Each structure stands twice: as C-alpha cells, then as structure tokens.
Amino acid sequence: PCAGLFDLSRVGVCGHSFGAETALTLAGLHRPSGFEPSADPRVRAAIAYSNRVQAGEVPLGLADGLDRPVLYLTGTEDH
C-alpha cells in the first residue's frame, strides 16, 4: 500500500549514542585507520543525539568527510 510514496534514493538518518555513531558513519564521518569508508550516497542528512564521543575526545579532522547537513545534539550530562 506504500509503493511509490517514498523516494529511497534520498533518505535521512538519526540515532542516539551508538546509533548516533552509525548515523554519522553513514553520513561520511571518517573512521580510524583500518576501517573502510561507509558513507551511503542515499543519506542526504543526519541527526546525531548524544554521540558516545565526548567533547575534547574528537580527533582533529574527524568530520572532514562530512559533505551533507548534520545536526549534532548533545548535553552537558551526556556520558
């Protein structure tokens, strides 16, 4: 009954904690050495809620691969 209602070539992703890590990876976040790139060209935007990486722990250049909009939400009490 939903055939034709969705354009699966243009999607958004969101996730919380480790799910935020997954959403960022699909949006093109650089991974540590040894990991294959996992960006999905269908993903046009991402939302990351309370990513498991805390402020001050994000390596320089980590977000260089992000070429689409990302909303990154975190709080002062996130762990």
PDB file of N, CA and C in Angstrom:
ATOM      1  N   PRO A   1       0.801  -1.210   0.000  1.00  0.00           N
ATOM      2  CA  PRO A   1       0.000   0.000   0.000  1.00  0.00           C
ATOM      3  C   PRO A   1       0.845   1.277   0.000  1.00  0.00           C
ATOM      4  N   CYS A   2       2.155   1.183   0.277  1.00  0.00           N
ATOM      5  CA  CYS A   2       3.010   2.375   0.341  1.00  0.00           C
ATOM      6  C   CYS A   2       3.879   2.521  -0.904  1.00  0.00           C
ATOM      7  N   ALA A   3       3.707   1.649  -1.884  1.00  0.00           N
ATOM      8  CA  ALA A   3       4.533   1.685  -3.082  1.00  0.00           C
ATOM      9  C   ALA A   3       4.433   3.045  -3.746  1.00  0.00           C
ATOM     10  N   GLY A   4       5.600   3.623  -4.034  1.00  0.00           N
ATOM     11  CA  GLY A   4       5.651   4.900  -4.717  1.00  0.00           C
ATOM     12  C   GLY A   4       5.548   6.116  -3.810  1.00  0.00           C
ATOM     13  N   LEU A   5       5.323   5.911  -2.522  1.00  0.00           N
ATOM     14  CA  LEU A   5       5.187   7.042  -1.602  1.00  0.00           C
ATOM     15  C   LEU A   5       6.527   7.565  -1.100  1.00  0.00           C
ATOM     16  N   PHE A   6       7.551   6.740  -1.154  1.00  0.00           N
ATOM     17  CA  PHE A   6       8.847   7.112  -0.602  1.00  0.00           C
ATOM     18  C   PHE A   6       9.916   7.094  -1.684  1.00  0.00           C
ATOM     19  N   ASP A   7      10.819   8.055  -1.614  1.00  0.00           N
ATOM     20  CA  ASP A   7      11.973   8.083  -2.509  1.00  0.00           C
ATOM     21  C   ASP A   7      13.163   7.549  -1.727  1.00  0.00           C
ATOM     22  N   LEU A   8      13.456   6.270  -1.881  1.00  0.00           N
ATOM     23  CA  LEU A   8      14.515   5.630  -1.118  1.00  0.00           C
ATOM     24  C   LEU A   8      15.908   5.990  -1.612  1.00  0.00           C
ATOM     25  N   SER A   9      16.002   6.816  -2.643  1.00  0.00           N
ATOM     26  CA  SER A   9      17.305   7.288  -3.087  1.00  0.00           C
ATOM     27  C   SER A   9      17.734   8.535  -2.319  1.00  0.00           C
ATOM     28  N   ARG A  10      16.826   9.094  -1.503  1.00  0.00           N
ATOM     29  CA  ARG A  10      17.122  10.286  -0.696  1.00  0.00           C
ATOM     30  C   ARG A  10      16.518  10.084   0.694  1.00  0.00           C
ATOM     31  N   VAL A  11      17.386   9.716   1.648  1.00  0.00           N
ATOM     32  CA  VAL A  11      16.895   9.436   2.992  1.00  0.00           C
ATOM     33  C   VAL A  11      17.687  10.232   4.028  1.00  0.00           C
ATOM     34  N   GLY A  12      17.120  10.353   5.203  1.00  0.00           N
ATOM     35  CA  GLY A  12      17.798  10.921   6.353  1.00  0.00           C
ATOM     36  C   GLY A  12      17.940   9.847   7.407  1.00  0.00           C
ATOM     37  N   VAL A  13      18.952   9.969   8.246  1.00  0.00           N
ATOM     38  CA  VAL A  13      19.163   9.009   9.322  1.00  0.00           C
ATOM     39  C   VAL A  13      19.352   9.759  10.630  1.00  0.00           C
ATOM     40  N   CYS A  14      18.986   9.087  11.724  1.00  0.00           N
ATOM     41  CA  CYS A  14      19.262   9.652  13.041  1.00  0.00           C
ATOM     42  C   CYS A  14      19.517   8.506  14.001  1.00  0.00           C
ATOM     43  N   GLY A  15      20.189   8.827  15.090  1.00  0.00           N
ATOM     44  CA  GLY A  15      20.450   7.804  16.082  1.00  0.00           C
ATOM     45  C   GLY A  15      20.918   8.414  17.382  1.00  0.00           C
ATOM     46  N   HIS A  16      20.815   7.619  18.441  1.00  0.00           N
ATOM     47  CA  HIS A  16      21.217   8.037  19.779  1.00  0.00           C
ATOM     48  C   HIS A  16      22.367   7.149  20.261  1.00  0.00           C
ATOM     49  N   SER A  17      23.379   7.739  20.875  1.00  0.00           N
ATOM     50  CA  SER A  17      24.519   7.037  21.429  1.00  0.00           C
ATOM     51  C   SER A  17      25.256   6.264  20.323  1.00  0.00           C
ATOM     52  N   PHE A  18      25.308   4.942  20.395  1.00  0.00           N
ATOM     53  CA  PHE A  18      25.977   4.186  19.332  1.00  0.00           C
ATOM     54  C   PHE A  18      25.217   4.316  18.009  1.00  0.00           C
ATOM     55  N   GLY A  19      23.912   4.539  18.078  1.00  0.00           N
ATOM     56  CA  GLY A  19      23.130   4.799  16.865  1.00  0.00           C
ATOM     57  C   GLY A  19      23.535   6.110  16.220  1.00  0.00           C
ATOM     58  N   ALA A  20      23.930   7.085  17.044  1.00  0.00           N
ATOM     59  CA  ALA A  20      24.435   8.354  16.516  1.00  0.00           C
ATOM     60  C   ALA A  20      25.738   8.112  15.761  1.00  0.00           C
ATOM     61  N   GLU A  21      26.555   7.236  16.294  1.00  0.00           N
ATOM     62  CA  GLU A  21      27.799   6.869  15.622  1.00  0.00           C
ATOM     63  C   GLU A  21      27.504   6.242  14.257  1.00  0.00           C
ATOM     64  N   THR A  22      26.504   5.397  14.207  1.00  0.00           N
ATOM     65  CA  THR A  22      26.099   4.776  12.946  1.00  0.00           C
ATOM     66  C   THR A  22      25.589   5.823  11.967  1.00  0.00           C
ATOM     67  N   ALA A  23      24.745   6.736  12.431  1.00  0.00           N
ATOM     68  CA  ALA A  23      24.211   7.792  11.565  1.00  0.00           C
ATOM     69  C   ALA A  23      25.339   8.649  11.011  1.00  0.00           C
ATOM     70  N   LEU A  24      26.310   9.006  11.853  1.00  0.00           N
ATOM     71  CA  LEU A  24      27.442   9.814  11.398  1.00  0.00           C
ATOM     72  C   LEU A  24      28.304   9.052  10.397  1.00  0.00           C
ATOM     73  N   THR A  25      28.474   7.768  10.623  1.00  0.00           N
ATOM     74  CA  THR A  25      29.248   6.945   9.682  1.00  0.00           C
ATOM     75  C   THR A  25      28.575   6.902   8.324  1.00  0.00           C
ATOM     76  N   LEU A  26      27.258   6.719   8.314  1.00  0.00           N
ATOM     77  CA  LEU A  26      26.526   6.695   7.043  1.00  0.00           C
ATOM     78  C   LEU A  26      26.574   8.037   6.335  1.00  0.00           C
ATOM     79  N   ALA A  27      26.762   9.121   7.101  1.00  0.00           N
ATOM     80  CA  ALA A  27      26.847  10.457   6.517  1.00  0.00           C
ATOM     81  C   ALA A  27      28.261  10.793   6.052  1.00  0.00           C
ATOM     82  N   GLY A  28      29.237   9.924   6.338  1.00  0.00           N
ATOM     83  CA  GLY A  28      30.584  10.130   5.825  1.00  0.00           C
ATOM     84  C   GLY A  28      31.635  10.460   6.855  1.00  0.00           C
ATOM     85  N   LEU A  29      31.351  10.260   8.132  1.00  0.00           N
ATOM     86  CA  LEU A  29      32.335  10.528   9.171  1.00  0.00           C
ATOM     87  C   LEU A  29      33.568   9.669   8.952  1.00  0.00           C
ATOM     88  N   HIS A  30      34.742  10.257   9.075  1.00  0.00           N
ATOM     89  CA  HIS A  30      35.985   9.496   8.935  1.00  0.00           C
ATOM     90  C   HIS A  30      36.120   8.517  10.081  1.00  0.00           C
ATOM     91  N   ARG A  31      36.531   7.328   9.779  1.00  0.00           N
ATOM     92  CA  ARG A  31      36.748   6.290  10.784  1.00  0.00           C
ATOM     93  C   ARG A  31      38.239   6.167  11.052  1.00  0.00           C
ATOM     94  N   PRO A  32      38.621   5.564  12.166  1.00  0.00           N
ATOM     95  CA  PRO A  32      40.045   5.333  12.439  1.00  0.00           C
ATOM     96  C   PRO A  32      40.680   4.474  11.347  1.00  0.00           C
ATOM     97  N   SER A  33      41.970   4.501  11.273  1.00  0.00           N
ATOM     98  CA  SER A  33      42.704   3.704  10.283  1.00  0.00           C
ATOM     99  C   SER A  33      42.274   2.251  10.350  1.00  0.00           C
ATOM    100  N   GLY A  34      42.172   1.635   9.203  1.00  0.00           N
ATOM    101  CA  GLY A  34      41.810   0.230   9.133  1.00  0.00           C
ATOM    102  C   GLY A  34      40.337  -0.012   8.867  1.00  0.00           C
ATOM    103  N   PHE A  35      39.520   1.018   8.959  1.00  0.00           N
ATOM    104  CA  PHE A  35      38.094   0.875   8.690  1.00  0.00           C
ATOM    105  C   PHE A  35      37.797   1.345   7.274  1.00  0.00           C
ATOM    106  N   GLU A  36      36.982   0.613   6.579  1.00  0.00           N
ATOM    107  CA  GLU A  36      36.579   1.002   5.237  1.00  0.00           C
ATOM    108  C   GLU A  36      35.560   2.139   5.313  1.00  0.00           C
ATOM    109  N   PRO A  37      35.576   3.062   4.344  1.00  0.00           N
ATOM    110  CA  PRO A  37      34.557   4.120   4.332  1.00  0.00           C
ATOM    111  C   PRO A  37      33.162   3.503   4.231  1.00  0.00           C
ATOM    112  N   SER A  38      32.212   4.063   4.957  1.00  0.00           N
ATOM    113  CA  SER A  38      30.872   3.501   4.993  1.00  0.00           C
ATOM    114  C   SER A  38      29.795   4.500   4.603  1.00  0.00           C
ATOM    115  N   ALA A  39      30.183   5.652   4.048  1.00  0.00           N
ATOM    116  CA  ALA A  39      29.189   6.650   3.665  1.00  0.00           C
ATOM    117  C   ALA A  39      28.222   6.050   2.654  1.00  0.00           C
ATOM    118  N   ASP A  40      26.959   6.350   2.837  1.00  0.00           N
ATOM    119  CA  ASP A  40      25.911   5.856   1.948  1.00  0.00           C
ATOM    120  C   ASP A  40      25.418   7.031   1.114  1.00  0.00           C
ATOM    121  N   PRO A  41      25.532   6.962  -0.199  1.00  0.00           N
ATOM    122  CA  PRO A  41      25.127   8.099  -1.036  1.00  0.00           C
ATOM    123  C   PRO A  41      23.643   8.433  -0.954  1.00  0.00           C
ATOM    124  N   ARG A  42      22.814   7.505  -0.478  1.00  0.00           N
ATOM    125  CA  ARG A  42      21.386   7.792  -0.331  1.00  0.00           C
ATOM    126  C   ARG A  42      21.106   8.713   0.845  1.00  0.00           C
ATOM    127  N   VAL A  43      22.013   8.722   1.820  1.00  0.00           N
ATOM    128  CA  VAL A  43      21.825   9.546   3.020  1.00  0.00           C
ATOM    129  C   VAL A  43      22.114  10.999   2.670  1.00  0.00           C
ATOM    130  N   ARG A  44      21.086  11.840   2.788  1.00  0.00           N
ATOM    131  CA  ARG A  44      21.223  13.256   2.438  1.00  0.00           C
ATOM    132  C   ARG A  44      21.409  14.153   3.654  1.00  0.00           C
ATOM    133  N   ALA A  45      21.065  13.661   4.862  1.00  0.00           N
ATOM    134  CA  ALA A  45      21.223  14.421   6.098  1.00  0.00           C
ATOM    135  C   ALA A  45      21.195  13.455   7.270  1.00  0.00           C
ATOM    136  N   ALA A  46      21.766  13.889   8.394  1.00  0.00           N
ATOM    137  CA  ALA A  46      21.808  13.030   9.579  1.00  0.00           C
ATOM    138  C   ALA A  46      21.591  13.859  10.840  1.00  0.00           C
ATOM    139  N   ILE A  47      21.057  13.193  11.856  1.00  0.00           N
ATOM    140  CA  ILE A  47      20.923  13.773  13.190  1.00  0.00           C
ATOM    141  C   ILE A  47      21.589  12.809  14.161  1.00  0.00           C
ATOM    142  N   ALA A  48      22.503  13.333  14.972  1.00  0.00           N
ATOM    143  CA  ALA A  48      23.203  12.520  15.970  1.00  0.00           C
ATOM    144  C   ALA A  48      22.847  13.033  17.355  1.00  0.00           C
ATOM    145  N   TYR A  49      22.179  12.196  18.143  1.00  0.00           N
ATOM    146  CA  TYR A  49      21.790  12.531  19.510  1.00  0.00           C
ATOM    147  C   TYR A  49      22.766  11.879  20.488  1.00  0.00           C
ATOM    148  N   SER A  50      23.409  12.689  21.314  1.00  0.00           N
ATOM    149  CA  SER A  50      24.267  12.172  22.389  1.00  0.00           C
ATOM    150  C   SER A  50      25.241  11.114  21.891  1.00  0.00           C
ATOM    151  N   ASN A  51      26.031  11.499  20.920  1.00  0.00           N
ATOM    152  CA  ASN A  51      27.044  10.591  20.393  1.00  0.00           C
ATOM    153  C   ASN A  51      27.951  10.138  21.532  1.00  0.00           C
ATOM    154  N   ARG A  52      28.452   8.916  21.459  1.00  0.00           N
ATOM    155  CA  ARG A  52      29.261   8.369  22.547  1.00  0.00           C
ATOM    156  C   ARG A  52      30.621   9.042  22.681  1.00  0.00           C
ATOM    157  N   VAL A  53      31.070   9.793  21.667  1.00  0.00           N
ATOM    158  CA  VAL A  53      32.333  10.523  21.741  1.00  0.00           C
ATOM    159  C   VAL A  53      32.082  11.834  22.475  1.00  0.00           C
ATOM    160  N   GLN A  54      32.806  12.049  23.556  1.00  0.00           N
ATOM    161  CA  GLN A  54      32.615  13.237  24.383  1.00  0.00           C
ATOM    162  C   GLN A  54      33.445  14.404  23.857  1.00  0.00           C
ATOM    163  N   ALA A  55      33.030  15.617  24.214  1.00  0.00           N
ATOM    164  CA  ALA A  55      33.769  16.821  23.834  1.00  0.00           C
ATOM    165  C   ALA A  55      35.214  16.690  24.301  1.00  0.00           C
ATOM    166  N   GLY A  56      36.135  17.135  23.477  1.00  0.00           N
ATOM    167  CA  GLY A  56      37.549  17.035  23.801  1.00  0.00           C
ATOM    168  C   GLY A  56      38.169  15.726  23.367  1.00  0.00           C
ATOM    169  N   GLU A  57      37.371  14.746  22.984  1.00  0.00           N
ATOM    170  CA  GLU A  57      37.885  13.447  22.562  1.00  0.00           C
ATOM    171  C   GLU A  57      37.803  13.259  21.057  1.00  0.00           C
ATOM    172  N   VAL A  58      37.261  14.227  20.353  1.00  0.00           N
ATOM    173  CA  VAL A  58      37.080  14.101  18.910  1.00  0.00           C
ATOM    174  C   VAL A  58      38.391  14.461  18.210  1.00  0.00           C
ATOM    175  N   PRO A  59      39.004  13.508  17.509  1.00  0.00           N
ATOM    176  CA  PRO A  59      40.265  13.794  16.817  1.00  0.00           C
ATOM    177  C   PRO A  59      40.096  14.859  15.732  1.00  0.00           C
ATOM    178  N   LEU A  60      41.093  15.700  15.586  1.00  0.00           N
ATOM    179  CA  LEU A  60      41.077  16.734  14.567  1.00  0.00           C
ATOM    180  C   LEU A  60      40.905  16.107  13.186  1.00  0.00           C
ATOM    181  N   GLY A  61      40.018  16.661  12.376  1.00  0.00           N
ATOM    182  CA  GLY A  61      39.786  16.171  11.026  1.00  0.00           C
ATOM    183  C   GLY A  61      38.771  15.053  10.938  1.00  0.00           C
ATOM    184  N   LEU A  62      38.208  14.639  12.065  1.00  0.00           N
ATOM    185  CA  LEU A  62      37.269  13.527  12.070  1.00  0.00           C
ATOM    186  C   LEU A  62      36.065  13.780  11.169  1.00  0.00           C
ATOM    187  N   ALA A  63      35.592  15.024  11.126  1.00  0.00           N
ATOM    188  CA  ALA A  63      34.397  15.349  10.354  1.00  0.00           C
ATOM    189  C   ALA A  63      34.703  15.832   8.942  1.00  0.00           C
ATOM    190  N   ASP A  64      35.954  15.750   8.519  1.00  0.00           N
ATOM    191  CA  ASP A  64      36.320  16.252   7.189  1.00  0.00           C
ATOM    192  C   ASP A  64      35.548  15.578   6.070  1.00  0.00           C
ATOM    193  N   GLY A  65      35.125  14.334   6.232  1.00  0.00           N
ATOM    194  CA  GLY A  65      34.416  13.614   5.184  1.00  0.00           C
ATOM    195  C   GLY A  65      32.936  13.948   5.096  1.00  0.00           C
ATOM    196  N   LEU A  66      32.424  14.683   6.077  1.00  0.00           N
ATOM    197  CA  LEU A  66      31.000  15.018   6.058  1.00  0.00           C
ATOM    198  C   LEU A  66      30.740  16.071   4.994  1.00  0.00           C
ATOM    199  N   ASP A  67      29.928  15.711   4.029  1.00  0.00           N
ATOM    200  CA  ASP A  67      29.623  16.638   2.933  1.00  0.00           C
ATOM    201  C   ASP A  67      28.125  16.871   2.800  1.00  0.00           C
ATOM    202  N   ARG A  68      27.400  16.614   3.875  1.00  0.00           N
ATOM    203  CA  ARG A  68      25.952  16.816   3.899  1.00  0.00           C
ATOM    204  C   ARG A  68      25.571  17.356   5.273  1.00  0.00           C
ATOM    205  N   PRO A  69      24.391  17.918   5.409  1.00  0.00           N
ATOM    206  CA  PRO A  69      23.999  18.505   6.690  1.00  0.00           C
ATOM    207  C   PRO A  69      23.906  17.470   7.809  1.00  0.00           C
ATOM    208  N   VAL A  70      24.442  17.845   8.971  1.00  0.00           N
ATOM    209  CA  VAL A  70      24.367  17.006  10.161  1.00  0.00           C
ATOM    210  C   VAL A  70      23.992  17.886  11.343  1.00  0.00           C
ATOM    211  N   LEU A  71      22.975  17.483  12.072  1.00  0.00           N
ATOM    212  CA  LEU A  71      22.592  18.141  13.314  1.00  0.00           C
ATOM    213  C   LEU A  71      23.147  17.288  14.437  1.00  0.00           C
ATOM    214  N   TYR A  72      24.012  17.883  15.242  1.00  0.00           N
ATOM    215  CA  TYR A  72      24.691  17.157  16.313  1.00  0.00           C
ATOM    216  C   TYR A  72      24.189  17.710  17.639  1.00  0.00           C
ATOM    217  N   LEU A  73      23.466  16.902  18.392  1.00  0.00           N
ATOM    218  CA  LEU A  73      22.882  17.336  19.655  1.00  0.00           C
ATOM    219  C   LEU A  73      23.504  16.567  20.802  1.00  0.00           C
ATOM    220  N   THR A  74      23.945  17.297  21.799  1.00  0.00           N
ATOM    221  CA  THR A  74      24.497  16.660  22.999  1.00  0.00           C
ATOM    222  C   THR A  74      24.237  17.564  24.194  1.00  0.00           C
ATOM    223  N   GLY A  75      24.372  17.021  25.375  1.00  0.00           N
ATOM    224  CA  GLY A  75      24.141  17.781  26.585  1.00  0.00           C
ATOM    225  C   GLY A  75      25.319  17.708  27.529  1.00  0.00           C
ATOM    226  N   THR A  76      25.328  18.573  28.519  1.00  0.00           N
ATOM    227  CA  THR A  76      26.451  18.623  29.455  1.00  0.00           C
ATOM    228  C   THR A  76      26.529  17.399  30.358  1.00  0.00           C
ATOM    229  N   GLU A  77      25.441  16.660  30.472  1.00  0.00           N
ATOM    230  CA  GLU A  77      25.432  15.468  31.337  1.00  0.00           C
ATOM    231  C   GLU A  77      25.474  14.162  30.539  1.00  0.00           C
ATOM    232  N   ASP A  78      25.724  14.227  29.235  1.00  0.00           N
ATOM    233  CA  ASP A  78      25.821  13.010  28.427  1.00  0.00           C
ATOM    234  C   ASP A  78      27.083  12.241  28.789  1.00  0.00           C
ATOM    235  N   HIS A  79      26.964  10.926  28.845  1.00  0.00           N
ATOM    236  CA  HIS A  79      28.112  10.063  29.136  1.00  0.00           C
ATOM    237  C   HIS A  79      28.149   8.936  28.157  1.00  0.00           C
TER     238      HIS A  79
END
